[in-house]
Amino acid sequence: VEWIQLWLPGFFLLLGFMPYIGLMLAAMIREKVTKIVRGLTLVGVKNWIYWLHWWIIFSIGSVITSILLTWIWFIVNYVHYASFWLVYIWMQLSLLGIISFTFVVSSLTSNEDSSSMIGFLSTLFSSVLYIPVVVFDAPLVVQTILSIIFPLFGVMQGAAMFSKFGVAGLAQGVTSENAVSAGAVHLYVAQIISLILWTNWGIFFRADAPKKHRHKKSTYKEYSKNGNEEIEPSRAANVDPKDIDQDIVARVRGLGKIFK
């Protein structure tokens, strides 16, 4: 059946990405659970700097992985007619999209044990969602919108596109000459937009988490230095710094040196 030939490559590729998703999620959730992120925030590390370090780490790995996967696809003669760089761009954007997807998920969950299950469920969701798309040959606009909404869908769309113009279909490949008509340009634009959106969502959700506790009413009583006079929660923030225990100040400064 033709639709199975178009569907299977993306499905198997997502299965290969599952451990990649699990490892990234486990690393980010572990930092979140152990309060490392909170400690970095307390010593003045900006939120965008924290995310940038993950981007650098995962992006280096994604470049190497994308080159190897693209090379393997040509070695097995699956995309013999396609342009190497067009396949590589799609593979690279797919991995970057998966990184942005893990940013959002890691911001919404604190269960490290669920990282592998999340990778499996996201793979299953993307592959099942693409079945009616490929069976009924959905318009390119519909596929582009779905790839913007969900990054992993772009993996399925790209694999089907290269398969359709390669060994499973027209035997002419996706090249610079037919990149627009084949839908490659639409796919790349959708993946870039999805990458930007999901990255910003991940940063927003993680940055918004501490703010939820700032407006909570204090559930404990605070007292002045002599221990007799109760201080209103609204007044507690205006206590003279001279009244603060210097031992506590020294410990906080020591914590800052550790994180530096």
C-alpha atoms as a PDB file:
ATOM      1  CA  VAL A   1       0.000   0.000   0.000  1.00  0.00           C
ATOM      2  CA  GLU A   2       1.400   3.379  -1.028  1.00  0.00           C
ATOM      3  CA  TRP A   3       0.474   5.265   2.157  1.00  0.00           C
ATOM      4  CA  ILE A   4       2.362   2.746   4.273  1.00  0.00           C
ATOM      5  CA  GLN A   5       5.511   3.397   2.217  1.00  0.00           C
ATOM      6  CA  LEU A   6       5.108   7.115   2.917  1.00  0.00           C
ATOM      7  CA  TRP A   7       4.278   6.635   6.599  1.00  0.00           C
ATOM      8  CA  LEU A   8       6.811   4.040   7.780  1.00  0.00           C
ATOM      9  CA  PRO A   9      10.048   6.065   7.298  1.00  0.00           C
ATOM     10  CA  GLY A  10       8.875   8.854   9.583  1.00  0.00           C
ATOM     11  CA  PHE A  11       7.573   6.380  12.146  1.00  0.00           C
ATOM     12  CA  PHE A  12      10.880   4.512  12.334  1.00  0.00           C
ATOM     13  CA  LEU A  13      12.795   7.785  12.483  1.00  0.00           C
ATOM     14  CA  LEU A  14      10.695   8.947  15.440  1.00  0.00           C
ATOM     15  CA  LEU A  15      11.322   5.608  17.157  1.00  0.00           C
ATOM     16  CA  GLY A  16      15.031   6.305  16.782  1.00  0.00           C
ATOM     17  CA  PHE A  17      14.548   9.768  18.298  1.00  0.00           C
ATOM     18  CA  MET A  18      12.758   8.368  21.391  1.00  0.00           C
ATOM     19  CA  PRO A  19      15.943   7.750  23.449  1.00  0.00           C
ATOM     20  CA  TYR A  20      17.172  11.216  22.426  1.00  0.00           C
ATOM     21  CA  ILE A  21      13.965  12.778  23.802  1.00  0.00           C
ATOM     22  CA  GLY A  22      14.168  10.722  26.995  1.00  0.00           C
ATOM     23  CA  LEU A  23      17.785  11.664  27.709  1.00  0.00           C
ATOM     24  CA  MET A  24      17.171  15.377  27.212  1.00  0.00           C
ATOM     25  CA  LEU A  25      14.050  15.359  29.366  1.00  0.00           C
ATOM     26  CA  ALA A  26      15.738  13.376  32.135  1.00  0.00           C
ATOM     27  CA  ALA A  27      18.671  15.818  32.285  1.00  0.00           C
ATOM     28  CA  MET A  28      16.508  18.949  32.422  1.00  0.00           C
ATOM     29  CA  ILE A  29      13.954  17.511  34.857  1.00  0.00           C
ATOM     30  CA  ARG A  30      16.768  16.319  37.159  1.00  0.00           C
ATOM     31  CA  GLU A  31      18.111  19.865  37.391  1.00  0.00           C
ATOM     32  CA  LYS A  32      14.621  21.120  38.096  1.00  0.00           C
ATOM     33  CA  VAL A  33      13.903  18.552  40.849  1.00  0.00           C
ATOM     34  CA  THR A  34      17.266  19.040  42.589  1.00  0.00           C
ATOM     35  CA  LYS A  35      16.648  22.817  42.714  1.00  0.00           C
ATOM     36  CA  ILE A  36      19.813  23.578  40.757  1.00  0.00           C
ATOM     37  CA  VAL A  37      17.876  25.956  38.516  1.00  0.00           C
ATOM     38  CA  ARG A  38      16.459  27.739  41.548  1.00  0.00           C
ATOM     39  CA  GLY A  39      19.918  28.068  43.055  1.00  0.00           C
ATOM     40  CA  LEU A  40      21.304  29.545  39.844  1.00  0.00           C
ATOM     41  CA  THR A  41      18.440  32.062  39.794  1.00  0.00           C
ATOM     42  CA  LEU A  42      19.164  33.111  43.380  1.00  0.00           C
ATOM     43  CA  VAL A  43      22.786  33.907  42.563  1.00  0.00           C
ATOM     44  CA  GLY A  44      21.794  36.046  39.587  1.00  0.00           C
ATOM     45  CA  VAL A  45      21.957  33.744  36.579  1.00  0.00           C
ATOM     46  CA  LYS A  46      19.498  34.970  33.955  1.00  0.00           C
ATOM     47  CA  ASN A  47      16.807  32.629  32.700  1.00  0.00           C
ATOM     48  CA  TRP A  48      17.857  33.012  29.074  1.00  0.00           C
ATOM     49  CA  ILE A  49      21.457  32.125  29.958  1.00  0.00           C
ATOM     50  CA  TYR A  50      20.285  28.900  31.566  1.00  0.00           C
ATOM     51  CA  TRP A  51      18.349  27.904  28.453  1.00  0.00           C
ATOM     52  CA  LEU A  52      21.190  28.994  26.176  1.00  0.00           C
ATOM     53  CA  HIS A  53      23.565  26.510  27.789  1.00  0.00           C
ATOM     54  CA  TRP A  54      21.118  23.681  27.057  1.00  0.00           C
ATOM     55  CA  TRP A  55      20.734  24.925  23.486  1.00  0.00           C
ATOM     56  CA  ILE A  56      24.491  24.840  22.949  1.00  0.00           C
ATOM     57  CA  ILE A  57      24.874  21.350  24.447  1.00  0.00           C
ATOM     58  CA  PHE A  58      21.975  19.769  22.558  1.00  0.00           C
ATOM     59  CA  SER A  59      22.613  21.651  19.297  1.00  0.00           C
ATOM     60  CA  ILE A  60      26.173  20.336  19.053  1.00  0.00           C
ATOM     61  CA  GLY A  61      24.850  16.808  19.422  1.00  0.00           C
ATOM     62  CA  SER A  62      22.060  17.461  16.917  1.00  0.00           C
ATOM     63  CA  VAL A  63      24.488  18.651  14.225  1.00  0.00           C
ATOM     64  CA  ILE A  64      26.542  15.468  14.498  1.00  0.00           C
ATOM     65  CA  THR A  65      23.415  13.292  14.626  1.00  0.00           C
ATOM     66  CA  SER A  66      21.847  15.022  11.615  1.00  0.00           C
ATOM     67  CA  ILE A  67      24.961  14.559   9.480  1.00  0.00           C
ATOM     68  CA  LEU A  68      25.184  10.874  10.390  1.00  0.00           C
ATOM     69  CA  LEU A  69      21.489  10.210   9.747  1.00  0.00           C
ATOM     70  CA  THR A  70      21.564  12.032   6.409  1.00  0.00           C
ATOM     71  CA  TRP A  71      24.657  10.090   5.383  1.00  0.00           C
ATOM     72  CA  ILE A  72      23.019   6.791   6.402  1.00  0.00           C
ATOM     73  CA  TRP A  73      19.907   7.591   4.343  1.00  0.00           C
ATOM     74  CA  PHE A  74      22.102   8.048   1.284  1.00  0.00           C
ATOM     75  CA  ILE A  75      24.213   4.980   2.062  1.00  0.00           C
ATOM     76  CA  VAL A  76      21.122   2.744   2.130  1.00  0.00           C
ATOM     77  CA  ASN A  77      20.014   4.424  -1.106  1.00  0.00           C
ATOM     78  CA  TYR A  78      16.740   5.636   0.393  1.00  0.00           C
ATOM     79  CA  VAL A  79      17.131   9.222  -0.853  1.00  0.00           C
ATOM     80  CA  HIS A  80      19.436   8.551  -3.768  1.00  0.00           C
ATOM     81  CA  TYR A  81      17.876  11.246  -5.984  1.00  0.00           C
ATOM     82  CA  ALA A  82      17.532  13.999  -3.388  1.00  0.00           C
ATOM     83  CA  SER A  83      19.895  16.837  -2.569  1.00  0.00           C
ATOM     84  CA  PHE A  84      22.114  16.005   0.416  1.00  0.00           C
ATOM     85  CA  TRP A  85      21.799  19.482   1.898  1.00  0.00           C
ATOM     86  CA  LEU A  86      18.002  19.564   1.629  1.00  0.00           C
ATOM     87  CA  VAL A  87      17.807  16.285   3.525  1.00  0.00           C
ATOM     88  CA  TYR A  88      20.291  17.560   6.093  1.00  0.00           C
ATOM     89  CA  ILE A  89      18.380  20.826   6.651  1.00  0.00           C
ATOM     90  CA  TRP A  90      15.174  18.899   7.289  1.00  0.00           C
ATOM     91  CA  MET A  91      16.941  16.475   9.636  1.00  0.00           C
ATOM     92  CA  GLN A  92      18.622  19.316  11.538  1.00  0.00           C
ATOM     93  CA  LEU A  93      15.406  21.314  11.908  1.00  0.00           C
ATOM     94  CA  SER A  94      13.627  18.162  13.070  1.00  0.00           C
ATOM     95  CA  LEU A  95      16.131  17.628  15.877  1.00  0.00           C
ATOM     96  CA  LEU A  96      16.055  21.292  16.876  1.00  0.00           C
ATOM     97  CA  GLY A  97      12.264  21.081  16.971  1.00  0.00           C
ATOM     98  CA  ILE A  98      12.517  18.085  19.283  1.00  0.00           C
ATOM     99  CA  ILE A  99      14.828  20.093  21.557  1.00  0.00           C
ATOM    100  CA  SER A 100      12.273  22.921  21.761  1.00  0.00           C
ATOM    101  CA  PHE A 101       9.564  20.333  22.463  1.00  0.00           C
ATOM    102  CA  THR A 102      11.550  18.961  25.415  1.00  0.00           C
ATOM    103  CA  PHE A 103      11.962  22.512  26.767  1.00  0.00           C
ATOM    104  CA  VAL A 104       8.204  22.846  27.109  1.00  0.00           C
ATOM    105  CA  VAL A 105       7.677  19.365  28.543  1.00  0.00           C
ATOM    106  CA  SER A 106      10.485  19.766  31.105  1.00  0.00           C
ATOM    107  CA  SER A 107       8.887  23.011  32.271  1.00  0.00           C
ATOM    108  CA  LEU A 108       5.509  21.344  32.803  1.00  0.00           C
ATOM    109  CA  THR A 109       6.558  18.151  34.608  1.00  0.00           C
ATOM    110  CA  SER A 110       8.782  17.266  37.549  1.00  0.00           C
ATOM    111  CA  ASN A 111       8.656  13.485  37.198  1.00  0.00           C
ATOM    112  CA  GLU A 112      11.978  12.241  35.876  1.00  0.00           C
ATOM    113  CA  ASP A 113      10.688   8.668  35.580  1.00  0.00           C
ATOM    114  CA  SER A 114       8.090   9.776  33.022  1.00  0.00           C
ATOM    115  CA  SER A 115      10.679  11.036  30.495  1.00  0.00           C
ATOM    116  CA  SER A 116      10.825   7.789  28.509  1.00  0.00           C
ATOM    117  CA  MET A 117       7.027   7.454  28.531  1.00  0.00           C
ATOM    118  CA  ILE A 118       6.644  11.013  27.232  1.00  0.00           C
ATOM    119  CA  GLY A 119       8.979  10.214  24.340  1.00  0.00           C
ATOM    120  CA  PHE A 120       6.936   7.132  23.477  1.00  0.00           C
ATOM    121  CA  LEU A 121       3.564   8.905  23.712  1.00  0.00           C
ATOM    122  CA  SER A 122       4.730  11.856  21.599  1.00  0.00           C
ATOM    123  CA  THR A 123       6.022   9.435  18.936  1.00  0.00           C
ATOM    124  CA  LEU A 124       2.773   7.492  18.987  1.00  0.00           C
ATOM    125  CA  PHE A 125       0.674  10.669  18.786  1.00  0.00           C
ATOM    126  CA  SER A 126       2.620  12.073  15.816  1.00  0.00           C
ATOM    127  CA  SER A 127       2.633   8.833  13.836  1.00  0.00           C
ATOM    128  CA  VAL A 128      -1.061   8.097  14.428  1.00  0.00           C
ATOM    129  CA  LEU A 129      -2.039  11.676  13.591  1.00  0.00           C
ATOM    130  CA  TYR A 130      -0.226  11.435  10.258  1.00  0.00           C
ATOM    131  CA  ILE A 131      -2.098   8.319   9.106  1.00  0.00           C
ATOM    132  CA  PRO A 132      -5.298  10.135   7.967  1.00  0.00           C
ATOM    133  CA  VAL A 133      -3.141  12.928   6.530  1.00  0.00           C
ATOM    134  CA  VAL A 134      -1.229  10.578   4.249  1.00  0.00           C
ATOM    135  CA  VAL A 135      -4.193   8.268   3.497  1.00  0.00           C
ATOM    136  CA  PHE A 136      -6.433  11.118   2.310  1.00  0.00           C
ATOM    137  CA  ASP A 137      -3.514  13.106   0.843  1.00  0.00           C
ATOM    138  CA  ALA A 138      -4.207  16.233   2.882  1.00  0.00           C
ATOM    139  CA  PRO A 139      -3.352  19.584   1.249  1.00  0.00           C
ATOM    140  CA  LEU A 140       0.121  20.981   1.810  1.00  0.00           C
ATOM    141  CA  VAL A 141      -1.338  23.896   3.783  1.00  0.00           C
ATOM    142  CA  VAL A 142      -2.894  21.518   6.312  1.00  0.00           C
ATOM    143  CA  GLN A 143       0.368  19.619   6.750  1.00  0.00           C
ATOM    144  CA  THR A 144       2.298  22.883   7.135  1.00  0.00           C
ATOM    145  CA  ILE A 145      -0.052  24.093   9.882  1.00  0.00           C
ATOM    146  CA  LEU A 146       0.217  20.773  11.724  1.00  0.00           C
ATOM    147  CA  SER A 147       4.022  20.949  11.530  1.00  0.00           C
ATOM    148  CA  ILE A 148       3.908  24.429  13.095  1.00  0.00           C
ATOM    149  CA  ILE A 149       1.636  23.270  15.914  1.00  0.00           C
ATOM    150  CA  PHE A 150       3.588  20.125  16.764  1.00  0.00           C
ATOM    151  CA  PRO A 151       7.343  19.826  15.982  1.00  0.00           C
ATOM    152  CA  LEU A 152       7.398  16.030  15.741  1.00  0.00           C
ATOM    153  CA  PHE A 153       4.825  16.155  12.953  1.00  0.00           C
ATOM    154  CA  GLY A 154       7.454  17.827  10.767  1.00  0.00           C
ATOM    155  CA  VAL A 155       9.513  14.634  11.003  1.00  0.00           C
ATOM    156  CA  MET A 156       6.639  12.618   9.552  1.00  0.00           C
ATOM    157  CA  GLN A 157       5.911  15.166   6.833  1.00  0.00           C
ATOM    158  CA  GLY A 158       9.534  15.413   5.729  1.00  0.00           C
ATOM    159  CA  ALA A 159      10.081  11.656   5.632  1.00  0.00           C
ATOM    160  CA  ALA A 160       6.924  11.203   3.534  1.00  0.00           C
ATOM    161  CA  MET A 161       7.971  14.002   1.177  1.00  0.00           C
ATOM    162  CA  PHE A 162      11.422  12.553   0.484  1.00  0.00           C
ATOM    163  CA  SER A 163       9.885   9.103   0.154  1.00  0.00           C
ATOM    164  CA  LYS A 164       7.262  10.317  -2.309  1.00  0.00           C
ATOM    165  CA  PHE A 165       9.860  11.933  -4.564  1.00  0.00           C
ATOM    166  CA  GLY A 166      12.392   9.163  -4.026  1.00  0.00           C
ATOM    167  CA  VAL A 167      12.352   5.384  -3.967  1.00  0.00           C
ATOM    168  CA  ALA A 168       8.651   5.088  -3.107  1.00  0.00           C
ATOM    169  CA  GLY A 169       7.330   7.356  -5.807  1.00  0.00           C
ATOM    170  CA  LEU A 170       8.518   9.687  -8.554  1.00  0.00           C
ATOM    171  CA  ALA A 171      12.214   8.674  -8.528  1.00  0.00           C
ATOM    172  CA  GLN A 172      13.349  12.232  -9.155  1.00  0.00           C
ATOM    173  CA  GLY A 173      14.193  13.332  -5.618  1.00  0.00           C
ATOM    174  CA  VAL A 174      13.767  16.660  -3.872  1.00  0.00           C
ATOM    175  CA  THR A 175      16.335  19.083  -5.251  1.00  0.00           C
ATOM    176  CA  SER A 176      16.819  22.842  -5.426  1.00  0.00           C
ATOM    177  CA  GLU A 177      14.887  22.855  -8.697  1.00  0.00           C
ATOM    178  CA  ASN A 178      11.660  21.412  -7.290  1.00  0.00           C
ATOM    179  CA  ALA A 179      12.021  22.329  -3.590  1.00  0.00           C
ATOM    180  CA  VAL A 180       9.008  24.675  -3.735  1.00  0.00           C
ATOM    181  CA  SER A 181       6.673  22.407  -5.681  1.00  0.00           C
ATOM    182  CA  ALA A 182       7.655  19.389  -3.574  1.00  0.00           C
ATOM    183  CA  GLY A 183       6.787  21.259  -0.384  1.00  0.00           C
ATOM    184  CA  ALA A 184      10.300  21.382   1.082  1.00  0.00           C
ATOM    185  CA  VAL A 185      10.309  25.171   1.462  1.00  0.00           C
ATOM    186  CA  HIS A 186       6.898  25.121   3.176  1.00  0.00           C
ATOM    187  CA  LEU A 187       8.155  22.433   5.543  1.00  0.00           C
ATOM    188  CA  TYR A 188      11.341  24.324   6.436  1.00  0.00           C
ATOM    189  CA  VAL A 189       9.389  27.518   7.157  1.00  0.00           C
ATOM    190  CA  ALA A 190       6.908  25.590   9.309  1.00  0.00           C
ATOM    191  CA  GLN A 191       9.720  23.933  11.260  1.00  0.00           C
ATOM    192  CA  ILE A 192      11.477  27.260  11.895  1.00  0.00           C
ATOM    193  CA  ILE A 193       8.246  28.900  13.112  1.00  0.00           C
ATOM    194  CA  SER A 194       7.495  25.886  15.311  1.00  0.00           C
ATOM    195  CA  LEU A 195      11.040  25.995  16.690  1.00  0.00           C
ATOM    196  CA  ILE A 196      10.695  29.649  17.696  1.00  0.00           C
ATOM    197  CA  LEU A 197       7.218  29.193  19.207  1.00  0.00           C
ATOM    198  CA  TRP A 198       8.013  26.094  21.270  1.00  0.00           C
ATOM    199  CA  THR A 199      11.319  27.510  22.525  1.00  0.00           C
ATOM    200  CA  ASN A 200       9.594  30.660  23.754  1.00  0.00           C
ATOM    201  CA  TRP A 201       6.801  28.620  25.344  1.00  0.00           C
ATOM    202  CA  GLY A 202       9.370  26.551  27.225  1.00  0.00           C
ATOM    203  CA  ILE A 203      11.173  29.633  28.522  1.00  0.00           C
ATOM    204  CA  PHE A 204       7.866  31.300  29.470  1.00  0.00           C
ATOM    205  CA  PHE A 205       6.525  28.335  31.414  1.00  0.00           C
ATOM    206  CA  ARG A 206       9.788  27.853  33.327  1.00  0.00           C
ATOM    207  CA  ALA A 207      10.181  31.579  33.998  1.00  0.00           C
ATOM    208  CA  ASP A 208       6.567  31.866  35.127  1.00  0.00           C
ATOM    209  CA  ALA A 209       6.846  29.054  37.690  1.00  0.00           C
ATOM    210  CA  PRO A 210       8.495  31.027  40.517  1.00  0.00           C
ATOM    211  CA  LYS A 211       6.111  33.976  40.058  1.00  0.00           C
ATOM    212  CA  LYS A 212       3.133  31.915  41.075  1.00  0.00           C
ATOM    213  CA  HIS A 213       4.434  31.866  44.661  1.00  0.00           C
ATOM    214  CA  ARG A 214       5.082  35.562  44.985  1.00  0.00           C
ATOM    215  CA  HIS A 215       1.456  36.558  45.507  1.00  0.00           C
ATOM    216  CA  LYS A 216       0.630  33.862  48.024  1.00  0.00           C
ATOM    217  CA  LYS A 217      -0.320  35.138  51.459  1.00  0.00           C
ATOM    218  CA  SER A 218       2.190  34.327  54.146  1.00  0.00           C
ATOM    219  CA  THR A 219       1.087  31.377  56.293  1.00  0.00           C
ATOM    220  CA  TYR A 220       3.540  32.009  59.146  1.00  0.00           C
ATOM    221  CA  LYS A 221       4.104  34.809  61.637  1.00  0.00           C
ATOM    222  CA  GLU A 222       7.213  36.939  61.544  1.00  0.00           C
ATOM    223  CA  TYR A 223       8.638  38.661  64.570  1.00  0.00           C
ATOM    224  CA  SER A 224      11.030  41.479  65.244  1.00  0.00           C
ATOM    225  CA  LYS A 225      14.533  40.930  66.523  1.00  0.00           C
ATOM    226  CA  ASN A 226      13.511  40.949  70.189  1.00  0.00           C
ATOM    227  CA  GLY A 227      10.882  38.266  69.487  1.00  0.00           C
ATOM    228  CA  ASN A 228       8.025  40.121  71.149  1.00  0.00           C
ATOM    229  CA  GLU A 229       6.469  42.295  68.486  1.00  0.00           C
ATOM    230  CA  GLU A 230       4.710  40.566  65.593  1.00  0.00           C
ATOM    231  CA  ILE A 231       5.444  42.046  62.173  1.00  0.00           C
ATOM    232  CA  GLU A 232       2.840  42.287  59.419  1.00  0.00           C
ATOM    233  CA  PRO A 233       3.777  40.298  56.257  1.00  0.00           C
ATOM    234  CA  SER A 234       3.643  43.565  54.289  1.00  0.00           C
ATOM    235  CA  ARG A 235       6.076  45.165  56.731  1.00  0.00           C
ATOM    236  CA  ALA A 236       8.423  42.169  56.862  1.00  0.00           C
ATOM    237  CA  ALA A 237       9.915  43.067  53.479  1.00  0.00           C
ATOM    238  CA  ASN A 238      10.875  46.503  54.828  1.00  0.00           C
ATOM    239  CA  VAL A 239      12.873  45.286  57.826  1.00  0.00           C
ATOM    240  CA  ASP A 240      16.123  47.167  58.361  1.00  0.00           C
ATOM    241  CA  PRO A 241      19.022  45.130  56.868  1.00  0.00           C
ATOM    242  CA  LYS A 242      20.946  45.767  60.107  1.00  0.00           C
ATOM    243  CA  ASP A 243      18.443  43.539  61.930  1.00  0.00           C
ATOM    244  CA  ILE A 244      19.259  40.546  59.729  1.00  0.00           C
ATOM    245  CA  ASP A 245      21.401  37.853  61.297  1.00  0.00           C
ATOM    246  CA  GLN A 246      24.885  38.258  59.832  1.00  0.00           C
ATOM    247  CA  ASP A 247      25.454  34.506  60.027  1.00  0.00           C
ATOM    248  CA  ILE A 248      22.611  33.976  57.550  1.00  0.00           C
ATOM    249  CA  VAL A 249      24.075  36.606  55.235  1.00  0.00           C
ATOM    250  CA  ALA A 250      27.457  34.846  55.317  1.00  0.00           C
ATOM    251  CA  ARG A 251      25.873  31.504  54.442  1.00  0.00           C
ATOM    252  CA  VAL A 252      23.981  32.983  51.482  1.00  0.00           C
ATOM    253  CA  ARG A 253      27.195  34.554  50.175  1.00  0.00           C
ATOM    254  CA  GLY A 254      28.945  31.218  50.526  1.00  0.00           C
ATOM    255  CA  LEU A 255      26.182  29.593  48.484  1.00  0.00           C
ATOM    256  CA  GLY A 256      26.761  32.165  45.750  1.00  0.00           C
ATOM    257  CA  LYS A 257      30.472  31.303  45.615  1.00  0.00           C
ATOM    258  CA  ILE A 258      29.650  27.611  45.224  1.00  0.00           C
ATOM    259  CA  PHE A 259      27.418  28.218  42.206  1.00  0.00           C
ATOM    260  CA  LYS A 260      29.957  30.541  40.604  1.00  0.00           C
END
